[in-house]
Protein backbone atom coordinates (compact mmCIF):
# COMPACT_ATOMS: atom_id res chain seq x y z
CA MET A 1 36.54 -38.12 -1.52
CA ALA A 2 33.54 -37.74 0.73
CA ARG A 3 30.29 -38.92 -0.79
CA GLY A 4 27.99 -36.01 -1.91
CA ARG A 5 24.40 -36.41 -1.00
CA SER A 6 21.32 -34.24 -1.08
CA ARG A 7 19.76 -33.00 2.11
CA ARG A 8 17.95 -30.06 3.57
CA GLY A 9 18.03 -28.51 7.06
CA GLY A 10 15.27 -28.51 9.58
CA SER A 11 13.35 -31.05 11.53
CA SER A 12 10.48 -31.40 9.04
CA ASN A 13 10.05 -34.77 7.37
CA GLU A 14 8.71 -33.42 4.12
CA SER A 15 9.61 -30.83 1.46
CA TYR A 16 6.98 -28.34 0.51
CA ALA A 17 7.05 -26.44 -2.76
CA TRP A 18 5.76 -22.90 -2.91
CA PRO A 19 2.56 -23.20 -4.97
CA GLY A 20 2.11 -20.74 -7.79
CA TYR A 21 -1.42 -19.74 -6.84
CA VAL A 22 -0.03 -18.35 -3.57
CA ASP A 23 2.09 -15.96 -5.68
CA VAL A 24 -1.04 -14.92 -7.59
CA LEU A 25 -2.96 -14.36 -4.38
CA SER A 26 -0.02 -12.47 -2.87
CA THR A 27 0.12 -10.23 -5.95
CA LEU A 28 -3.62 -9.53 -5.63
CA LEU A 29 -3.24 -8.70 -1.94
CA LEU A 30 -0.36 -6.32 -2.81
CA VAL A 31 -2.57 -4.62 -5.43
CA VAL A 32 -5.42 -4.33 -2.91
CA THR A 33 -3.01 -2.94 -0.29
CA PHE A 34 -1.61 -0.47 -2.82
CA LEU A 35 -5.08 0.76 -3.86
CA MET A 36 -6.17 1.14 -0.24
CA SER A 37 -2.91 2.99 0.55
CA VAL A 38 -3.48 5.40 -2.35
CA PHE A 39 -7.06 6.02 -1.17
CA MET A 40 -5.99 6.56 2.46
CA ILE A 41 -3.22 8.99 1.38
CA ALA A 42 -5.65 10.92 -0.85
CA GLN A 43 -8.25 11.01 1.92
CA TYR A 44 -5.59 12.16 4.39
CA PHE A 45 -4.50 15.07 2.19
CA ALA A 46 -8.12 16.00 1.43
CA THR A 47 -8.92 15.98 5.17
CA GLU A 48 -5.83 18.08 5.90
CA GLU A 49 -6.82 20.60 3.23
CA ALA A 50 -10.40 20.81 4.57
CA SER A 51 -9.03 21.26 8.11
CA SER A 52 -6.78 24.13 6.97
CA LYS A 53 -9.74 25.74 5.18
CA ASP A 54 -11.87 25.44 8.34
CA THR A 55 -9.08 27.04 10.40
CA ALA A 56 -8.77 29.94 7.96
CA LEU A 57 -12.57 30.33 7.97
CA GLN A 58 -12.64 30.54 11.76
CA ARG A 59 -9.80 33.09 11.76
CA LEU A 60 -11.57 35.30 9.20
CA THR A 61 -14.83 35.04 11.15
CA ARG A 62 -13.06 36.23 14.30
CA GLN A 63 -11.46 39.14 12.41
CA ILE A 64 -14.85 40.16 10.98
CA SER A 65 -16.38 40.01 14.46
CA GLU A 66 -13.59 42.18 15.91
CA LEU A 67 -13.82 44.71 13.07
CA THR A 68 -17.61 44.83 13.42
CA SER A 69 -17.21 45.64 17.15
CA ILE A 70 -14.64 48.31 16.34
CA LEU A 71 -16.93 49.76 13.67
CA SER A 72 -19.86 49.82 16.08
CA LEU A 73 -17.72 51.58 18.69
CA GLU A 74 -16.45 54.11 16.18
CA LYS A 75 -19.99 54.76 14.97
CA GLY A 76 -21.03 55.42 18.58
CA LYS A 77 -18.16 57.87 19.03
CA ALA A 78 -19.04 59.60 15.76
CA LYS A 79 -22.68 59.90 16.85
CA SER A 80 -21.62 61.44 20.18
CA ALA A 81 -19.34 63.87 18.36
CA GLU A 82 -22.14 64.83 15.99
CA ASP A 83 -24.53 65.39 18.90
CA GLU A 84 -21.95 67.51 20.74
CA LEU A 85 -21.21 69.46 17.55
CA ALA A 86 -24.92 70.15 17.03
CA ALA A 87 -25.24 71.35 20.62
CA LEU A 88 -22.23 73.63 20.27
CA GLN A 89 -23.49 75.00 16.96
CA ALA A 90 -26.84 75.78 18.62
CA THR A 91 -25.03 77.48 21.51
CA LEU A 92 -22.85 79.39 19.06
CA SER A 93 -25.92 80.57 17.14
CA THR A 94 -27.52 81.79 20.37
CA LEU A 95 -24.33 83.52 21.45
CA ARG A 96 -23.99 85.24 18.10
CA GLU A 97 -27.56 86.49 18.31
CA GLU A 98 -26.94 87.80 21.81
CA ASN A 99 -23.63 89.26 20.65
CA THR A 100 -25.45 91.22 17.96
CA LYS A 101 -27.95 92.54 20.48
CA LEU A 102 -25.35 93.36 23.10
CA SER A 103 -22.66 94.62 20.75
CA GLY A 104 -20.20 96.77 22.70
CA ALA A 105 -21.60 95.66 26.07
CA GLY A 106 -18.63 93.51 26.97
CA ILE A 107 -16.01 91.01 25.72
CA GLY A 108 -17.21 87.91 27.56
CA ILE A 109 -19.58 86.86 24.85
CA GLU A 110 -16.92 87.31 22.14
CA GLU A 111 -14.47 85.15 24.02
CA ALA A 112 -17.11 82.52 24.56
CA THR A 113 -17.85 82.61 20.87
CA LYS A 114 -14.20 82.14 20.00
CA ALA A 115 -13.95 79.24 22.44
CA ALA A 116 -17.05 77.69 20.93
CA ASP A 117 -15.61 78.11 17.41
CA ALA A 118 -12.39 76.38 18.52
CA ARG A 119 -14.34 73.59 20.13
CA ILE A 120 -16.45 73.18 16.99
CA GLY A 121 -13.27 73.02 14.86
CA GLY A 122 -11.79 70.33 17.12
CA LEU A 123 -14.98 68.30 17.12
CA THR A 124 -15.25 68.66 13.35
CA ALA A 125 -11.68 67.27 12.96
CA ASP A 126 -12.49 64.41 15.36
CA LEU A 127 -15.65 63.67 13.42
CA GLU A 128 -13.76 63.50 10.12
CA SER A 129 -11.15 61.26 11.73
CA GLN A 130 -13.85 58.95 13.08
CA LYS A 131 -15.48 58.85 9.64
CA ALA A 132 -12.14 57.90 8.07
CA VAL A 133 -11.66 55.11 10.63
CA SER A 134 -15.21 53.93 10.03
CA ASN A 135 -14.71 53.89 6.26
CA GLU A 136 -11.44 51.93 6.65
CA ALA A 137 -13.13 49.42 8.95
CA LEU A 138 -16.01 49.04 6.48
CA ALA A 139 -13.51 48.42 3.66
CA LYS A 140 -11.74 45.74 5.75
CA VAL A 141 -15.06 44.11 6.63
CA ASP A 142 -16.04 44.06 2.97
CA ALA A 143 -12.69 42.51 1.93
CA LEU A 144 -12.93 39.91 4.66
CA ASN A 145 -16.49 39.07 3.63
CA GLN A 146 -15.25 38.48 0.08
CA GLN A 147 -12.48 36.19 1.35
CA LEU A 148 -14.97 34.40 3.58
CA LEU A 149 -17.31 33.81 0.65
CA ALA A 150 -14.47 32.48 -1.54
CA LEU A 151 -13.25 30.22 1.27
CA ARG A 152 -16.72 28.81 1.84
CA ARG A 153 -16.97 28.02 -1.88
CA GLN A 154 -13.61 26.23 -1.75
CA ILE A 155 -14.69 24.22 1.29
CA ALA A 156 -17.95 23.26 -0.44
CA ALA A 157 -16.03 22.12 -3.54
CA LEU A 158 -13.57 20.21 -1.37
CA ASN A 159 -16.35 18.47 0.53
CA GLU A 160 -17.96 17.52 -2.77
CA THR A 161 -14.65 16.10 -4.03
CA LEU A 162 -14.12 14.23 -0.77
CA GLY A 163 -17.61 12.74 -0.99
CA ALA A 164 -16.97 11.62 -4.57
CA SER A 165 -13.66 10.05 -3.50
CA GLU A 166 -15.33 8.17 -0.67
CA LYS A 167 -18.04 6.91 -3.04
CA LYS A 168 -15.39 5.83 -5.54
CA ALA A 169 -13.43 4.09 -2.77
CA GLU A 170 -16.56 2.22 -1.66
CA ASP A 171 -17.18 1.10 -5.25
CA GLY A 172 -13.50 0.08 -5.52
CA ASP A 173 -13.72 -1.93 -2.29
CA LYS A 174 -16.77 -3.75 -3.57
CA THR A 175 -15.05 -4.50 -6.89
CA ILE A 176 -11.94 -5.76 -5.12
CA LYS A 177 -14.01 -8.02 -2.88
CA ASP A 178 -15.82 -9.42 -5.90
CA LEU A 179 -12.54 -10.01 -7.72
CA GLY A 180 -11.05 -11.64 -4.63
CA ALA A 181 -14.03 -13.96 -4.28
CA ARG A 182 -13.85 -14.95 -7.95
CA LEU A 183 -10.08 -15.45 -7.75
CA ASN A 184 -10.38 -17.62 -4.65
CA ALA A 185 -13.05 -19.72 -6.33
CA ALA A 186 -10.91 -20.09 -9.47
CA LEU A 187 -7.84 -21.04 -7.45
CA ALA A 188 -9.83 -23.56 -5.45
CA ARG A 189 -11.12 -25.15 -8.66
CA GLU A 190 -7.63 -25.25 -10.15
CA VAL A 191 -6.09 -26.79 -7.04
CA GLN A 192 -8.87 -29.38 -6.85
CA GLU A 193 -8.49 -30.28 -10.52
CA LEU A 194 -4.70 -30.46 -10.28
CA GLN A 195 -5.07 -32.72 -7.26
CA ARG A 196 -7.07 -35.13 -9.40
CA TYR A 197 -4.37 -35.19 -12.09
CA ARG A 198 -1.69 -35.58 -9.42
CA SER A 199 -3.51 -38.68 -8.18
CA ASP A 200 -3.61 -40.07 -11.73
CA PHE A 201 0.07 -39.27 -12.20
CA PHE A 202 1.02 -41.00 -8.96
CA GLY A 203 -1.06 -44.02 -9.90
CA ARG A 204 0.74 -44.41 -13.21
CA LEU A 205 4.18 -44.00 -11.68
CA ARG A 206 3.38 -46.50 -8.94
CA GLU A 207 2.38 -48.99 -11.59
CA LEU A 208 5.54 -48.34 -13.64
CA LEU A 209 7.87 -48.46 -10.65
CA LYS A 210 6.10 -51.04 -8.53
CA ASP A 211 9.04 -53.45 -8.65
CA ARG A 212 11.59 -50.85 -7.55
CA LYS A 213 12.27 -51.09 -3.82
CA ASP A 214 14.69 -48.15 -3.95
CA ILE A 215 11.96 -45.68 -5.04
CA ARG A 216 9.48 -44.51 -2.42
CA VAL A 217 6.42 -42.30 -2.23
CA VAL A 218 6.63 -39.77 0.62
CA GLY A 219 3.54 -37.58 0.89
CA ASP A 220 3.00 -36.00 -2.52
CA ARG A 221 6.53 -36.75 -3.82
CA PHE A 222 8.37 -39.60 -5.52
CA VAL A 223 11.72 -40.13 -3.80
CA PHE A 224 14.69 -41.70 -5.64
CA GLU A 225 17.76 -42.62 -3.61
CA SER A 226 20.79 -40.93 -5.13
CA GLU A 227 22.62 -44.26 -5.59
CA VAL A 228 19.86 -45.28 -8.02
CA LEU A 229 20.53 -42.30 -10.29
CA PHE A 230 24.11 -41.10 -9.74
CA PRO A 231 27.56 -42.41 -8.85
CA SER A 232 28.95 -41.28 -5.51
CA GLY A 233 30.00 -37.62 -5.56
CA ALA A 234 28.89 -37.15 -9.19
CA ALA A 235 25.97 -35.54 -11.05
CA THR A 236 25.93 -37.73 -14.18
CA LEU A 237 23.00 -40.15 -14.48
CA THR A 238 23.87 -43.85 -14.39
CA PRO A 239 22.35 -46.29 -16.94
CA GLU A 240 19.96 -47.44 -14.25
CA GLY A 241 19.08 -43.85 -13.51
CA LEU A 242 18.45 -43.14 -17.19
CA THR A 243 15.99 -46.06 -17.31
CA ALA A 244 14.10 -44.73 -14.30
CA MET A 245 14.00 -41.22 -15.83
CA ASP A 246 12.71 -42.66 -19.13
CA GLN A 247 9.74 -44.09 -17.29
CA MET A 248 9.21 -40.83 -15.48
CA ALA A 249 9.36 -38.81 -18.73
CA ASP A 250 6.83 -41.12 -20.42
CA ALA A 251 4.41 -40.67 -17.52
CA ILE A 252 4.82 -36.88 -17.66
CA LEU A 253 4.22 -36.77 -21.43
CA ASP A 254 1.06 -38.86 -21.05
CA LEU A 255 -0.15 -36.59 -18.26
CA GLN A 256 0.53 -33.49 -20.35
CA GLN A 257 -2.03 -34.59 -22.91
CA GLU A 258 -4.78 -34.71 -20.28
CA ILE A 259 -4.21 -31.62 -18.12
CA PRO A 260 -6.24 -28.64 -19.45
CA LYS A 261 -4.20 -25.75 -20.81
CA GLU A 262 -5.59 -23.31 -18.25
CA ILE A 263 -3.92 -25.23 -15.40
CA ASP A 264 -0.38 -23.92 -14.95
CA TRP A 265 1.41 -27.04 -13.70
CA ALA A 266 5.05 -28.02 -13.30
CA ILE A 267 7.22 -30.96 -12.21
CA GLN A 268 9.50 -29.83 -9.40
CA ILE A 269 12.79 -31.74 -9.09
CA ASP A 270 14.71 -31.29 -5.83
CA GLY A 271 18.24 -32.50 -5.06
CA HIS A 272 19.30 -33.40 -1.50
CA THR A 273 22.52 -34.67 0.12
CA ASP A 274 23.57 -36.08 3.49
CA PRO A 275 25.52 -33.88 5.94
CA ARG A 276 28.99 -35.14 5.04
CA PRO A 277 30.92 -32.43 3.14
CA ILE A 278 32.17 -33.11 -0.37
CA ALA A 279 34.52 -30.16 -1.07
CA SER A 280 35.75 -31.42 -4.45
CA SER A 281 37.14 -29.24 -7.23
CA GLN A 282 33.92 -29.72 -9.23
CA PHE A 283 31.55 -29.35 -6.29
CA PRO A 284 32.91 -27.06 -3.53
CA SER A 285 29.92 -27.90 -1.29
CA ASN A 286 26.78 -30.02 -1.10
CA TRP A 287 24.81 -27.06 -2.45
CA GLU A 288 26.54 -27.35 -5.81
CA LEU A 289 26.23 -31.15 -5.88
CA SER A 290 22.50 -31.20 -5.04
CA THR A 291 21.76 -28.44 -7.57
CA ALA A 292 23.81 -30.12 -10.31
CA ARG A 293 21.97 -33.42 -9.80
CA ALA A 294 18.55 -31.75 -10.03
CA ALA A 295 19.69 -29.92 -13.18
CA SER A 296 20.92 -33.20 -14.72
CA VAL A 297 17.47 -34.74 -14.27
CA VAL A 298 15.81 -31.65 -15.79
CA LYS A 299 18.11 -31.66 -18.80
CA TYR A 300 17.47 -35.34 -19.45
CA MET A 301 13.70 -34.84 -19.16
CA ILE A 302 13.93 -32.05 -21.73
CA SER A 303 15.88 -34.34 -24.06
CA LYS A 304 13.02 -36.85 -23.81
CA GLY A 305 10.47 -34.25 -24.95
CA VAL A 306 9.18 -32.81 -21.67
CA PRO A 307 8.65 -29.02 -22.15
CA ALA A 308 11.32 -27.02 -20.33
CA GLU A 309 8.73 -24.54 -19.04
CA ARG A 310 7.08 -27.40 -17.13
CA LEU A 311 10.23 -28.30 -15.17
CA VAL A 312 11.72 -26.71 -12.04
CA ALA A 313 15.10 -27.66 -10.51
CA ALA A 314 16.30 -26.82 -6.99
CA GLY A 315 19.15 -27.94 -4.77
CA TYR A 316 18.83 -28.05 -0.98
CA GLY A 317 22.16 -29.54 0.07
CA GLU A 318 21.94 -31.29 3.42
CA PHE A 319 19.45 -28.86 4.90
CA ARG A 320 16.16 -30.73 4.43
CA PRO A 321 16.62 -34.31 5.66
CA ILE A 322 13.75 -36.77 5.81
CA GLU A 323 15.53 -39.03 8.29
CA GLY A 324 17.07 -37.85 11.57
CA GLY A 325 20.50 -38.89 12.78
CA THR A 326 23.85 -39.50 11.08
CA SER A 327 23.81 -43.26 10.71
CA GLU A 328 24.59 -44.78 7.34
CA GLU A 329 20.95 -45.80 6.96
CA ALA A 330 19.78 -42.23 7.66
CA ASN A 331 22.40 -40.78 5.30
CA GLN A 332 21.32 -43.15 2.54
CA LYS A 333 17.70 -42.05 2.84
CA ASN A 334 18.64 -38.38 2.93
CA ARG A 335 20.73 -38.66 -0.28
CA ARG A 336 17.88 -38.41 -2.74
CA ILE A 337 16.13 -36.84 -5.72
CA GLU A 338 12.46 -35.87 -5.26
CA LEU A 339 9.86 -35.26 -7.97
CA LYS A 340 6.56 -33.53 -7.36
CA LEU A 341 3.64 -32.35 -9.52
CA THR A 342 2.67 -28.84 -8.41
CA ASN A 343 1.38 -25.43 -9.48
CA ARG A 344 3.77 -22.87 -10.88
């Protein structure tokens, strides 16, 4: 059976855990983005509505202008018709007077009178028609003026609402900035304080494990070679591994008493293998082996009194090595269990 080891892909020499405060900050940024998106959408629709109102207002104004021109023209025609009618009536009156004086003298005056009467009748009909058109145009102008007034009121109300929305958005932006500044300050304080406790934790573990040559400190992690904790191709802790985990659990329990409750900390336990495949019935791949080994450490820590909510297990297979190459020495270093104090 090939020997299962823990490893992790990539050329990086260290494993980085995703700190919890980044999740908090990401959530805040999503909230900010959501609020800004809602404001932009509302502003967009308000702007579109105002634009449509302005377009309707311009259209009504043009219609009123056209109707006013038509009304003025019709009034001019009506005035001309009235003037012509008055002239014809005066002529008719004169002709009738002459007709009375010259009764029986001839038929020319009578015919002229009849023609004048016909002309007067036609002009009277035209005048009534022009008055009807003028009245209709006046009614249209009045209706359009009413619509124009209502539309202007709507635009004024919309502008007022838009101004209130902009003021509210400005206040919201200021509040968000203040919250962001306070959150960043709080996160910075928490990270700084956790860093101090991480240093204390590392100091204690170094003192406890100072005689162990097979346990190393790499960056901010304690690295246990898999052979120290597990038999080859297995995920059950050896007696030697149990002893090492007892020391680790004691250090964690001591640390727990000192870290303030407001700091959300966790011990991250990562399993890694070398690149050689295992493909056993229990572990079909190095993923399963590395994950099972990390879980075994977590379960033992819990049995020693470490709170389960303070433990995180992850398996990386062969995909995050800390030593390049495929030599036996490199494979031995890459088969490992890492422990790290971090934020959740």
